[in-house]
Amino acid sequence: MASPLRITSSRLQRQTCWAAIAALALLSGWVLLDSRAPEPAAAPAPRPVPPPAPVSTAPPAPRTALCPDSARACVDEERRLSWLQHHGEITYGPVRVMPGTDAAPDSVATPRGLFRVEWKDADHVSGEFGDPMNHSVFFAPGGIAFHEGSLDAPSHGCVHLSAVDAALFFDALPVGSEVAVF
C-alpha cells in the first residue's frame, strides 16, 4: 500500500493536469465574471426635421385667362403675386413678389406677355448694377428674371421673390418653361 505522502510520477502528472484545468476554469470564470455585458449601441442621431412648408399669407391666385394653362409660372403685377402651376392647377403659391415699375425712380416696368425661360444662374450678379441676383431664372429680353430680392422696393425690371420662393422657382422652372406676366 502506498503511503499518502508518496506521490508517483503518474499521479503527479495527473494532479498537475487537474490543477492546470482547475486554474484555467477558475481564470475563465473570473474572466466571465469580470466581463461586463456590452453596452447597448448608441441610438442613431435623430434626423433633422425639415422646416414646415412656407404658408402663404397672400390671397388666392385668381383664375384668369391672362395666365394660360400652358404657363408654368404666372405673375400678376397689379396684385404683386406669382405662382407656379401645372396644366392650370396651382402647385405653389401665390407668393408675394416685387416687379419693376415705371412709377419708381431707378426702376423699369417688368414687361408683360408670354415668355419662355431662356437660361438660369444660381449665383448670378448683375452686370449692369453689380447686385447679386441669387437663383435667377431669366425669361424675358433685357435680362429680366425671377430672382431673390427686396419685396419692398421695386426692381430694375425683374421679378423679386423671397429667398425661399426664389430657390423654389429656380428648382421648379426648367429652361423652356412658359411664364405669363400680366
N, C-alpha and C. Protein backbone atom coordinates (compact mmCIF):
# COMPACT_ATOMS: atom_id res chain seq x y z
N MET A 1 0.83 -1.15 0.00
CA MET A 1 0.00 0.00 0.00
C MET A 1 0.88 1.23 0.00
N ALA A 2 0.53 2.15 -0.79
CA ALA A 2 1.36 3.34 -0.95
C ALA A 2 1.03 4.34 0.15
N SER A 3 2.04 4.98 0.58
CA SER A 3 1.85 5.95 1.63
C SER A 3 1.24 7.22 1.03
N PRO A 4 0.40 7.93 1.78
CA PRO A 4 -0.22 9.13 1.24
C PRO A 4 0.80 10.20 0.91
N LEU A 5 1.94 10.16 1.48
CA LEU A 5 2.94 11.17 1.19
C LEU A 5 3.73 10.82 -0.06
N ARG A 6 3.68 9.56 -0.42
CA ARG A 6 4.41 9.15 -1.61
C ARG A 6 3.60 9.43 -2.85
N ILE A 7 4.09 10.23 -3.66
CA ILE A 7 3.38 10.57 -4.89
C ILE A 7 4.19 10.02 -6.05
N THR A 8 3.53 9.24 -6.86
CA THR A 8 4.22 8.70 -8.02
C THR A 8 4.19 9.73 -9.12
N SER A 9 5.05 9.49 -10.06
CA SER A 9 5.15 10.47 -11.15
C SER A 9 3.87 10.51 -11.96
N SER A 10 3.20 9.41 -12.17
CA SER A 10 1.98 9.45 -12.97
C SER A 10 0.88 10.17 -12.21
N ARG A 11 0.89 9.93 -10.87
CA ARG A 11 -0.10 10.62 -10.06
C ARG A 11 0.20 12.11 -10.04
N LEU A 12 1.46 12.47 -9.99
CA LEU A 12 1.88 13.86 -10.00
C LEU A 12 1.46 14.52 -11.31
N GLN A 13 1.62 13.81 -12.39
CA GLN A 13 1.23 14.36 -13.69
C GLN A 13 -0.27 14.57 -13.74
N ARG A 14 -1.03 13.61 -13.20
CA ARG A 14 -2.48 13.76 -13.18
C ARG A 14 -2.89 14.95 -12.32
N GLN A 15 -2.29 15.07 -11.18
CA GLN A 15 -2.62 16.18 -10.29
C GLN A 15 -2.25 17.52 -10.94
N THR A 16 -1.10 17.55 -11.60
CA THR A 16 -0.68 18.77 -12.27
C THR A 16 -1.66 19.12 -13.39
N CYS A 17 -2.10 18.10 -14.11
CA CYS A 17 -3.04 18.31 -15.21
C CYS A 17 -4.36 18.85 -14.66
N TRP A 18 -4.87 18.22 -13.56
CA TRP A 18 -6.12 18.67 -12.99
C TRP A 18 -5.97 20.08 -12.39
N ALA A 19 -4.84 20.35 -11.85
CA ALA A 19 -4.60 21.69 -11.29
C ALA A 19 -4.61 22.73 -12.40
N ALA A 20 -4.00 22.36 -13.50
CA ALA A 20 -3.97 23.29 -14.63
C ALA A 20 -5.38 23.52 -15.16
N ILE A 21 -6.18 22.45 -15.27
CA ILE A 21 -7.56 22.57 -15.74
C ILE A 21 -8.36 23.43 -14.76
N ALA A 22 -8.18 23.18 -13.47
CA ALA A 22 -8.90 23.95 -12.46
C ALA A 22 -8.50 25.43 -12.53
N ALA A 23 -7.19 25.66 -12.72
CA ALA A 23 -6.72 27.04 -12.82
C ALA A 23 -7.32 27.72 -14.04
N LEU A 24 -7.35 27.01 -15.16
CA LEU A 24 -7.95 27.58 -16.37
C LEU A 24 -9.44 27.85 -16.16
N ALA A 25 -10.12 26.89 -15.53
CA ALA A 25 -11.54 27.08 -15.28
C ALA A 25 -11.76 28.28 -14.36
N LEU A 26 -10.91 28.35 -13.33
CA LEU A 26 -11.02 29.47 -12.40
C LEU A 26 -10.77 30.80 -13.11
N LEU A 27 -9.71 30.84 -13.92
CA LEU A 27 -9.41 32.07 -14.67
C LEU A 27 -10.54 32.39 -15.65
N SER A 28 -11.06 31.38 -16.31
CA SER A 28 -12.16 31.60 -17.24
C SER A 28 -13.37 32.15 -16.50
N GLY A 29 -13.61 31.59 -15.33
CA GLY A 29 -14.73 32.08 -14.53
C GLY A 29 -14.54 33.52 -14.14
N TRP A 30 -13.29 33.84 -13.73
CA TRP A 30 -13.02 35.23 -13.39
C TRP A 30 -13.20 36.12 -14.59
N VAL A 31 -12.74 35.64 -15.74
CA VAL A 31 -12.89 36.44 -16.95
C VAL A 31 -14.36 36.62 -17.27
N LEU A 32 -15.13 35.51 -17.12
CA LEU A 32 -16.56 35.61 -17.40
C LEU A 32 -17.25 36.51 -16.40
N LEU A 33 -16.84 36.39 -15.11
CA LEU A 33 -17.46 37.23 -14.11
C LEU A 33 -17.07 38.69 -14.28
N ASP A 34 -15.83 38.93 -14.73
CA ASP A 34 -15.33 40.29 -14.86
C ASP A 34 -15.82 40.96 -16.14
N SER A 35 -16.12 40.14 -17.13
CA SER A 35 -16.54 40.77 -18.39
C SER A 35 -17.92 41.36 -18.21
N ARG A 36 -18.04 42.55 -18.60
CA ARG A 36 -19.31 43.25 -18.48
C ARG A 36 -20.13 43.00 -19.74
N ALA A 37 -21.40 43.08 -19.57
CA ALA A 37 -22.26 42.97 -20.74
C ALA A 37 -21.95 44.15 -21.65
N PRO A 38 -21.94 43.91 -22.95
CA PRO A 38 -21.65 45.02 -23.85
C PRO A 38 -22.67 46.13 -23.67
N GLU A 39 -22.17 47.34 -23.72
CA GLU A 39 -23.08 48.48 -23.60
C GLU A 39 -23.93 48.55 -24.86
N PRO A 40 -25.17 48.91 -24.69
CA PRO A 40 -26.01 49.00 -25.88
C PRO A 40 -25.44 50.02 -26.86
N ALA A 41 -25.63 49.74 -28.14
CA ALA A 41 -25.14 50.66 -29.17
C ALA A 41 -25.85 51.99 -29.00
N ALA A 42 -25.12 53.03 -29.26
CA ALA A 42 -25.71 54.37 -29.17
C ALA A 42 -26.83 54.49 -30.18
N ALA A 43 -27.89 55.11 -29.77
CA ALA A 43 -29.02 55.32 -30.67
C ALA A 43 -28.56 56.21 -31.82
N PRO A 44 -29.05 55.93 -33.04
CA PRO A 44 -28.65 56.79 -34.15
C PRO A 44 -29.11 58.22 -33.90
N ALA A 45 -28.32 59.13 -34.39
CA ALA A 45 -28.66 60.55 -34.23
C ALA A 45 -30.00 60.81 -34.90
N PRO A 46 -30.85 61.59 -34.26
CA PRO A 46 -32.14 61.86 -34.88
C PRO A 46 -31.95 62.62 -36.19
N ARG A 47 -32.79 62.30 -37.13
CA ARG A 47 -32.74 63.01 -38.41
C ARG A 47 -33.27 64.41 -38.21
N PRO A 48 -32.65 65.37 -38.88
CA PRO A 48 -33.18 66.73 -38.73
C PRO A 48 -34.58 66.81 -39.33
N VAL A 49 -35.43 67.51 -38.66
CA VAL A 49 -36.80 67.67 -39.13
C VAL A 49 -36.81 68.82 -40.12
N PRO A 50 -37.29 68.56 -41.35
CA PRO A 50 -37.31 69.66 -42.31
C PRO A 50 -38.28 70.74 -41.84
N PRO A 51 -37.97 71.97 -42.18
CA PRO A 51 -38.88 73.05 -41.78
C PRO A 51 -40.22 72.87 -42.47
N PRO A 52 -41.27 73.33 -41.84
CA PRO A 52 -42.58 73.20 -42.48
C PRO A 52 -42.62 74.00 -43.78
N ALA A 53 -43.47 73.55 -44.67
CA ALA A 53 -43.62 74.25 -45.94
C ALA A 53 -44.09 75.68 -45.65
N PRO A 54 -43.58 76.64 -46.41
CA PRO A 54 -44.00 78.02 -46.17
C PRO A 54 -45.49 78.17 -46.37
N VAL A 55 -46.10 78.91 -45.50
CA VAL A 55 -47.53 79.16 -45.60
C VAL A 55 -47.70 80.54 -46.20
N SER A 56 -48.40 80.59 -47.29
CA SER A 56 -48.60 81.87 -47.96
C SER A 56 -49.71 82.65 -47.28
N THR A 57 -49.46 83.93 -47.03
CA THR A 57 -50.49 84.79 -46.48
C THR A 57 -51.13 85.62 -47.58
N ALA A 58 -50.69 85.36 -48.83
CA ALA A 58 -51.24 86.10 -49.96
C ALA A 58 -52.63 85.56 -50.28
N PRO A 59 -53.46 86.41 -50.85
CA PRO A 59 -54.79 85.94 -51.24
C PRO A 59 -54.67 84.91 -52.35
N PRO A 60 -55.67 84.07 -52.51
CA PRO A 60 -55.59 83.04 -53.55
C PRO A 60 -55.41 83.66 -54.93
N ALA A 61 -54.70 82.92 -55.77
CA ALA A 61 -54.48 83.39 -57.14
C ALA A 61 -55.79 83.33 -57.91
N PRO A 62 -56.02 84.34 -58.69
CA PRO A 62 -57.25 84.33 -59.47
C PRO A 62 -57.13 83.39 -60.67
N ARG A 63 -58.21 82.75 -61.01
CA ARG A 63 -58.24 82.02 -62.27
C ARG A 63 -58.49 83.07 -63.33
N THR A 64 -57.60 83.15 -64.26
CA THR A 64 -57.73 84.19 -65.27
C THR A 64 -57.23 83.69 -66.61
N ALA A 65 -57.83 84.18 -67.65
CA ALA A 65 -57.40 83.84 -69.00
C ALA A 65 -56.04 84.48 -69.30
N LEU A 66 -55.65 85.46 -68.48
CA LEU A 66 -54.36 86.11 -68.69
C LEU A 66 -53.20 85.17 -68.37
N CYS A 67 -53.45 84.14 -67.58
CA CYS A 67 -52.44 83.14 -67.28
C CYS A 67 -52.92 81.81 -67.86
N PRO A 68 -52.49 81.50 -69.06
CA PRO A 68 -52.98 80.28 -69.70
C PRO A 68 -52.54 79.01 -68.97
N ASP A 69 -53.31 77.95 -69.17
CA ASP A 69 -53.00 76.66 -68.54
C ASP A 69 -51.61 76.16 -68.92
N SER A 70 -51.10 76.57 -70.07
CA SER A 70 -49.79 76.11 -70.54
C SER A 70 -48.63 76.77 -69.77
N ALA A 71 -48.91 77.89 -69.10
CA ALA A 71 -47.85 78.59 -68.36
C ALA A 71 -47.48 77.80 -67.13
N ARG A 72 -46.19 77.74 -66.85
CA ARG A 72 -45.69 77.06 -65.65
C ARG A 72 -45.57 78.04 -64.48
N ALA A 73 -45.38 79.34 -64.78
CA ALA A 73 -45.33 80.39 -63.77
C ALA A 73 -46.16 81.58 -64.24
N CYS A 74 -46.84 82.19 -63.28
CA CYS A 74 -47.68 83.35 -63.60
C CYS A 74 -47.31 84.50 -62.66
N VAL A 75 -47.35 85.72 -63.20
CA VAL A 75 -47.07 86.91 -62.41
C VAL A 75 -48.21 87.90 -62.63
N ASP A 76 -48.90 88.25 -61.55
CA ASP A 76 -49.94 89.27 -61.57
C ASP A 76 -49.29 90.53 -61.01
N GLU A 77 -48.86 91.42 -61.91
CA GLU A 77 -48.12 92.62 -61.49
C GLU A 77 -48.95 93.53 -60.60
N GLU A 78 -50.21 93.71 -60.94
CA GLU A 78 -51.07 94.62 -60.19
C GLU A 78 -51.22 94.16 -58.74
N ARG A 79 -51.43 92.88 -58.53
CA ARG A 79 -51.62 92.35 -57.17
C ARG A 79 -50.29 91.97 -56.52
N ARG A 80 -49.18 92.04 -57.28
CA ARG A 80 -47.85 91.66 -56.82
C ARG A 80 -47.84 90.24 -56.26
N LEU A 81 -48.34 89.35 -57.09
CA LEU A 81 -48.40 87.93 -56.74
C LEU A 81 -47.83 87.09 -57.87
N SER A 82 -47.29 85.95 -57.52
CA SER A 82 -46.83 84.99 -58.52
C SER A 82 -47.12 83.60 -57.99
N TRP A 83 -47.25 82.64 -58.89
CA TRP A 83 -47.48 81.26 -58.51
C TRP A 83 -46.97 80.33 -59.58
N LEU A 84 -46.79 79.08 -59.19
CA LEU A 84 -46.41 78.03 -60.13
C LEU A 84 -47.65 77.19 -60.37
N GLN A 85 -47.75 76.67 -61.57
CA GLN A 85 -48.91 75.84 -61.88
C GLN A 85 -48.51 74.75 -62.87
N HIS A 86 -49.38 73.75 -62.97
CA HIS A 86 -49.18 72.65 -63.92
C HIS A 86 -50.54 72.35 -64.52
N HIS A 87 -50.65 72.50 -65.83
CA HIS A 87 -51.93 72.31 -66.54
C HIS A 87 -53.04 73.14 -65.91
N GLY A 88 -52.70 74.37 -65.50
CA GLY A 88 -53.69 75.29 -64.96
C GLY A 88 -53.99 75.10 -63.48
N GLU A 89 -53.47 74.06 -62.84
CA GLU A 89 -53.69 73.83 -61.41
C GLU A 89 -52.50 74.41 -60.64
N ILE A 90 -52.76 75.26 -59.65
CA ILE A 90 -51.70 75.88 -58.88
C ILE A 90 -50.98 74.82 -58.04
N THR A 91 -49.66 74.78 -58.17
CA THR A 91 -48.85 73.83 -57.42
C THR A 91 -48.06 74.51 -56.30
N TYR A 92 -47.90 75.82 -56.38
CA TYR A 92 -47.21 76.56 -55.33
C TYR A 92 -47.62 78.02 -55.40
N GLY A 93 -47.96 78.58 -54.24
CA GLY A 93 -48.30 79.98 -54.17
C GLY A 93 -49.79 80.17 -54.03
N PRO A 94 -50.21 81.40 -54.23
CA PRO A 94 -49.43 82.54 -54.70
C PRO A 94 -48.51 83.08 -53.61
N VAL A 95 -47.43 83.70 -54.06
CA VAL A 95 -46.46 84.30 -53.16
C VAL A 95 -46.29 85.77 -53.54
N ARG A 96 -45.85 86.55 -52.56
CA ARG A 96 -45.61 87.97 -52.81
C ARG A 96 -44.41 88.14 -53.72
N VAL A 97 -44.48 89.10 -54.61
CA VAL A 97 -43.36 89.46 -55.49
C VAL A 97 -43.26 90.97 -55.56
N MET A 98 -42.14 91.44 -56.07
CA MET A 98 -41.99 92.87 -56.34
C MET A 98 -41.46 93.01 -57.76
N PRO A 99 -42.34 93.39 -58.68
CA PRO A 99 -41.89 93.61 -60.06
C PRO A 99 -41.32 95.01 -60.20
N GLY A 100 -40.82 95.28 -61.37
CA GLY A 100 -40.36 96.63 -61.68
C GLY A 100 -41.55 97.49 -62.07
N THR A 101 -41.37 98.81 -61.95
CA THR A 101 -42.45 99.74 -62.30
C THR A 101 -41.85 101.04 -62.84
N ASP A 102 -42.53 101.66 -63.79
CA ASP A 102 -42.09 102.95 -64.31
C ASP A 102 -42.32 104.07 -63.30
N ALA A 103 -43.18 103.84 -62.31
CA ALA A 103 -43.54 104.89 -61.36
C ALA A 103 -42.46 105.15 -60.32
N ALA A 104 -41.49 104.25 -60.20
CA ALA A 104 -40.45 104.42 -59.18
C ALA A 104 -39.14 104.84 -59.84
N PRO A 105 -38.37 105.69 -59.16
CA PRO A 105 -37.07 106.06 -59.73
C PRO A 105 -36.14 104.84 -59.75
N ASP A 106 -35.25 104.81 -60.72
CA ASP A 106 -34.28 103.73 -60.86
C ASP A 106 -34.96 102.37 -61.04
N SER A 107 -36.14 102.39 -61.70
CA SER A 107 -36.86 101.14 -61.96
C SER A 107 -37.39 101.16 -63.38
N VAL A 108 -37.61 99.99 -63.89
CA VAL A 108 -38.19 99.82 -65.22
C VAL A 108 -39.34 98.84 -65.06
N ALA A 109 -40.41 99.05 -65.78
CA ALA A 109 -41.56 98.15 -65.67
C ALA A 109 -41.18 96.76 -66.17
N THR A 110 -41.61 95.76 -65.43
CA THR A 110 -41.43 94.38 -65.87
C THR A 110 -42.31 94.19 -67.11
N PRO A 111 -41.76 93.67 -68.19
CA PRO A 111 -42.56 93.53 -69.41
C PRO A 111 -43.69 92.51 -69.22
N ARG A 112 -44.81 92.80 -69.87
CA ARG A 112 -45.96 91.89 -69.81
C ARG A 112 -46.01 91.06 -71.07
N GLY A 113 -46.53 89.86 -70.92
CA GLY A 113 -46.68 88.98 -72.07
C GLY A 113 -46.40 87.53 -71.70
N LEU A 114 -46.27 86.73 -72.75
CA LEU A 114 -46.00 85.31 -72.59
C LEU A 114 -44.55 85.06 -73.00
N PHE A 115 -43.75 84.49 -72.12
CA PHE A 115 -42.32 84.28 -72.36
C PHE A 115 -41.94 82.83 -72.08
N ARG A 116 -40.70 82.50 -72.38
CA ARG A 116 -40.16 81.17 -72.05
C ARG A 116 -38.85 81.36 -71.27
N VAL A 117 -38.61 80.48 -70.30
CA VAL A 117 -37.35 80.53 -69.55
C VAL A 117 -36.22 80.28 -70.54
N GLU A 118 -35.28 81.23 -70.61
CA GLU A 118 -34.17 81.13 -71.56
C GLU A 118 -32.93 80.50 -70.94
N TRP A 119 -32.65 80.86 -69.70
CA TRP A 119 -31.49 80.30 -69.01
C TRP A 119 -31.60 80.59 -67.53
N LYS A 120 -30.75 79.93 -66.73
CA LYS A 120 -30.79 80.07 -65.27
C LYS A 120 -29.36 80.18 -64.74
N ASP A 121 -29.23 80.88 -63.60
CA ASP A 121 -27.92 81.00 -62.94
C ASP A 121 -28.17 81.17 -61.44
N ALA A 122 -27.74 80.20 -60.65
CA ALA A 122 -27.99 80.23 -59.21
C ALA A 122 -27.24 81.35 -58.50
N ASP A 123 -26.07 81.75 -59.02
CA ASP A 123 -25.23 82.74 -58.35
C ASP A 123 -24.96 83.95 -59.23
N HIS A 124 -25.94 84.40 -59.95
CA HIS A 124 -25.75 85.49 -60.90
C HIS A 124 -25.53 86.83 -60.19
N VAL A 125 -24.71 87.67 -60.79
CA VAL A 125 -24.50 89.04 -60.34
C VAL A 125 -24.81 89.94 -61.52
N SER A 126 -25.60 90.96 -61.29
CA SER A 126 -25.99 91.89 -62.35
C SER A 126 -24.76 92.57 -62.94
N GLY A 127 -24.61 92.46 -64.26
CA GLY A 127 -23.51 93.13 -64.93
C GLY A 127 -23.73 94.63 -64.98
N GLU A 128 -24.98 95.07 -64.96
CA GLU A 128 -25.32 96.48 -65.06
C GLU A 128 -25.25 97.19 -63.70
N PHE A 129 -25.71 96.52 -62.64
CA PHE A 129 -25.80 97.17 -61.33
C PHE A 129 -24.83 96.58 -60.30
N GLY A 130 -24.26 95.42 -60.58
CA GLY A 130 -23.33 94.77 -59.65
C GLY A 130 -24.02 94.13 -58.45
N ASP A 131 -25.33 94.02 -58.49
CA ASP A 131 -26.09 93.44 -57.38
C ASP A 131 -26.20 91.93 -57.54
N PRO A 132 -26.21 91.20 -56.41
CA PRO A 132 -26.43 89.76 -56.51
C PRO A 132 -27.87 89.48 -56.94
N MET A 133 -28.03 88.48 -57.76
CA MET A 133 -29.34 88.05 -58.25
C MET A 133 -29.44 86.54 -58.04
N ASN A 134 -29.45 86.12 -56.77
CA ASN A 134 -29.45 84.70 -56.45
C ASN A 134 -30.67 83.99 -57.02
N HIS A 135 -30.45 82.80 -57.51
CA HIS A 135 -31.48 81.93 -58.08
C HIS A 135 -32.21 82.61 -59.25
N SER A 136 -31.44 83.14 -60.18
CA SER A 136 -32.01 83.83 -61.34
C SER A 136 -32.57 82.85 -62.36
N VAL A 137 -33.79 83.14 -62.79
CA VAL A 137 -34.45 82.39 -63.86
C VAL A 137 -34.82 83.43 -64.92
N PHE A 138 -34.00 83.51 -65.97
CA PHE A 138 -34.18 84.54 -67.00
C PHE A 138 -35.26 84.11 -68.00
N PHE A 139 -36.24 85.01 -68.19
CA PHE A 139 -37.36 84.65 -69.05
C PHE A 139 -37.74 85.70 -70.08
N ALA A 140 -37.23 86.92 -70.00
CA ALA A 140 -37.62 87.95 -70.96
C ALA A 140 -36.39 88.69 -71.45
N PRO A 141 -36.47 89.28 -72.64
CA PRO A 141 -35.33 90.03 -73.18
C PRO A 141 -34.88 91.13 -72.23
N GLY A 142 -33.60 91.45 -72.28
CA GLY A 142 -33.06 92.52 -71.45
C GLY A 142 -32.61 92.04 -70.08
N GLY A 143 -32.49 90.73 -69.89
CA GLY A 143 -32.02 90.21 -68.61
C GLY A 143 -33.08 90.19 -67.53
N ILE A 144 -34.34 90.14 -67.93
CA ILE A 144 -35.44 90.10 -66.96
C ILE A 144 -35.56 88.68 -66.41
N ALA A 145 -35.62 88.59 -65.05
CA ALA A 145 -35.61 87.28 -64.40
C ALA A 145 -36.41 87.29 -63.11
N PHE A 146 -36.81 86.11 -62.70
CA PHE A 146 -37.22 85.90 -61.31
C PHE A 146 -35.90 85.79 -60.55
N HIS A 147 -35.79 86.39 -59.37
CA HIS A 147 -34.62 86.18 -58.52
C HIS A 147 -34.90 86.70 -57.13
N GLU A 148 -34.03 86.33 -56.20
CA GLU A 148 -34.16 86.79 -54.82
C GLU A 148 -33.93 88.29 -54.78
N GLY A 149 -34.79 88.99 -54.06
CA GLY A 149 -34.64 90.44 -53.95
C GLY A 149 -35.65 91.03 -52.99
N SER A 150 -35.57 92.31 -52.83
CA SER A 150 -36.44 93.03 -51.90
C SER A 150 -37.90 92.93 -52.33
N LEU A 151 -38.77 92.71 -51.35
CA LEU A 151 -40.21 92.71 -51.63
C LEU A 151 -40.82 94.06 -51.27
N ASP A 152 -39.95 95.02 -50.89
CA ASP A 152 -40.42 96.35 -50.51
C ASP A 152 -40.04 97.44 -51.50
N ALA A 153 -38.99 97.22 -52.28
CA ALA A 153 -38.54 98.24 -53.23
C ALA A 153 -38.64 97.66 -54.64
N PRO A 154 -39.15 98.45 -55.58
CA PRO A 154 -39.28 97.95 -56.95
C PRO A 154 -37.93 97.53 -57.54
N SER A 155 -37.99 96.55 -58.39
CA SER A 155 -36.78 96.04 -59.02
C SER A 155 -36.41 96.90 -60.22
N HIS A 156 -35.34 96.53 -60.88
CA HIS A 156 -34.92 97.22 -62.12
C HIS A 156 -35.60 96.61 -63.32
N GLY A 157 -36.71 95.91 -63.10
CA GLY A 157 -37.46 95.28 -64.18
C GLY A 157 -37.67 93.80 -63.96
N CYS A 158 -36.90 93.21 -63.07
CA CYS A 158 -37.05 91.78 -62.77
C CYS A 158 -38.22 91.57 -61.81
N VAL A 159 -38.46 90.32 -61.49
CA VAL A 159 -39.49 89.97 -60.51
C VAL A 159 -38.77 89.45 -59.27
N HIS A 160 -38.80 90.25 -58.20
CA HIS A 160 -38.17 89.86 -56.94
C HIS A 160 -39.05 88.87 -56.20
N LEU A 161 -38.39 87.87 -55.59
CA LEU A 161 -39.05 86.87 -54.75
C LEU A 161 -38.28 86.79 -53.43
N SER A 162 -38.92 86.24 -52.41
CA SER A 162 -38.20 85.98 -51.15
C SER A 162 -37.12 84.93 -51.44
N ALA A 163 -36.17 84.77 -50.52
CA ALA A 163 -35.08 83.80 -50.72
C ALA A 163 -35.64 82.38 -50.89
N VAL A 164 -36.60 82.02 -50.06
CA VAL A 164 -37.19 80.67 -50.14
C VAL A 164 -37.92 80.49 -51.47
N ASP A 165 -38.73 81.47 -51.85
CA ASP A 165 -39.50 81.36 -53.09
C ASP A 165 -38.60 81.38 -54.32
N ALA A 166 -37.54 82.20 -54.28
CA ALA A 166 -36.62 82.25 -55.42
C ALA A 166 -35.96 80.89 -55.64
N ALA A 167 -35.55 80.24 -54.56
CA ALA A 167 -34.93 78.91 -54.68
C ALA A 167 -35.93 77.90 -55.21
N LEU A 168 -37.17 77.99 -54.76
CA LEU A 168 -38.20 77.06 -55.22
C LEU A 168 -38.51 77.29 -56.70
N PHE A 169 -38.67 78.53 -57.12
CA PHE A 169 -38.94 78.84 -58.53
C PHE A 169 -37.75 78.36 -59.39
N PHE A 170 -36.53 78.58 -58.89
CA PHE A 170 -35.34 78.16 -59.62
C PHE A 170 -35.37 76.65 -59.87
N ASP A 171 -35.72 75.90 -58.85
CA ASP A 171 -35.77 74.44 -58.99
C ASP A 171 -36.93 73.96 -59.85
N ALA A 172 -38.04 74.68 -59.81
CA ALA A 172 -39.27 74.21 -60.48
C ALA A 172 -39.38 74.62 -61.94
N LEU A 173 -38.59 75.59 -62.38
CA LEU A 173 -38.75 76.10 -63.75
C LEU A 173 -37.58 75.71 -64.63
N PRO A 174 -37.70 74.63 -65.41
CA PRO A 174 -36.62 74.30 -66.33
C PRO A 174 -36.61 75.24 -67.53
N VAL A 175 -35.47 75.28 -68.20
CA VAL A 175 -35.37 76.08 -69.43
C VAL A 175 -36.47 75.61 -70.39
N GLY A 176 -37.12 76.59 -71.00
CA GLY A 176 -38.24 76.30 -71.91
C GLY A 176 -39.60 76.44 -71.29
N SER A 177 -39.68 76.53 -69.96
CA SER A 177 -40.98 76.69 -69.28
C SER A 177 -41.62 78.01 -69.68
N GLU A 178 -42.92 77.99 -69.80
CA GLU A 178 -43.66 79.19 -70.18
C GLU A 178 -43.95 80.04 -68.93
N VAL A 179 -43.77 81.36 -69.07
CA VAL A 179 -44.01 82.32 -67.99
C VAL A 179 -44.97 83.38 -68.52
N ALA A 180 -46.05 83.60 -67.79
CA ALA A 180 -47.03 84.62 -68.17
C ALA A 180 -46.94 85.78 -67.18
N VAL A 181 -46.77 87.00 -67.71
CA VAL A 181 -46.74 88.19 -66.88
C VAL A 181 -47.88 89.08 -67.36
N PHE A 182 -48.75 89.48 -66.43
CA PHE A 182 -49.90 90.31 -66.82
C PHE A 182 -50.18 91.36 -65.76
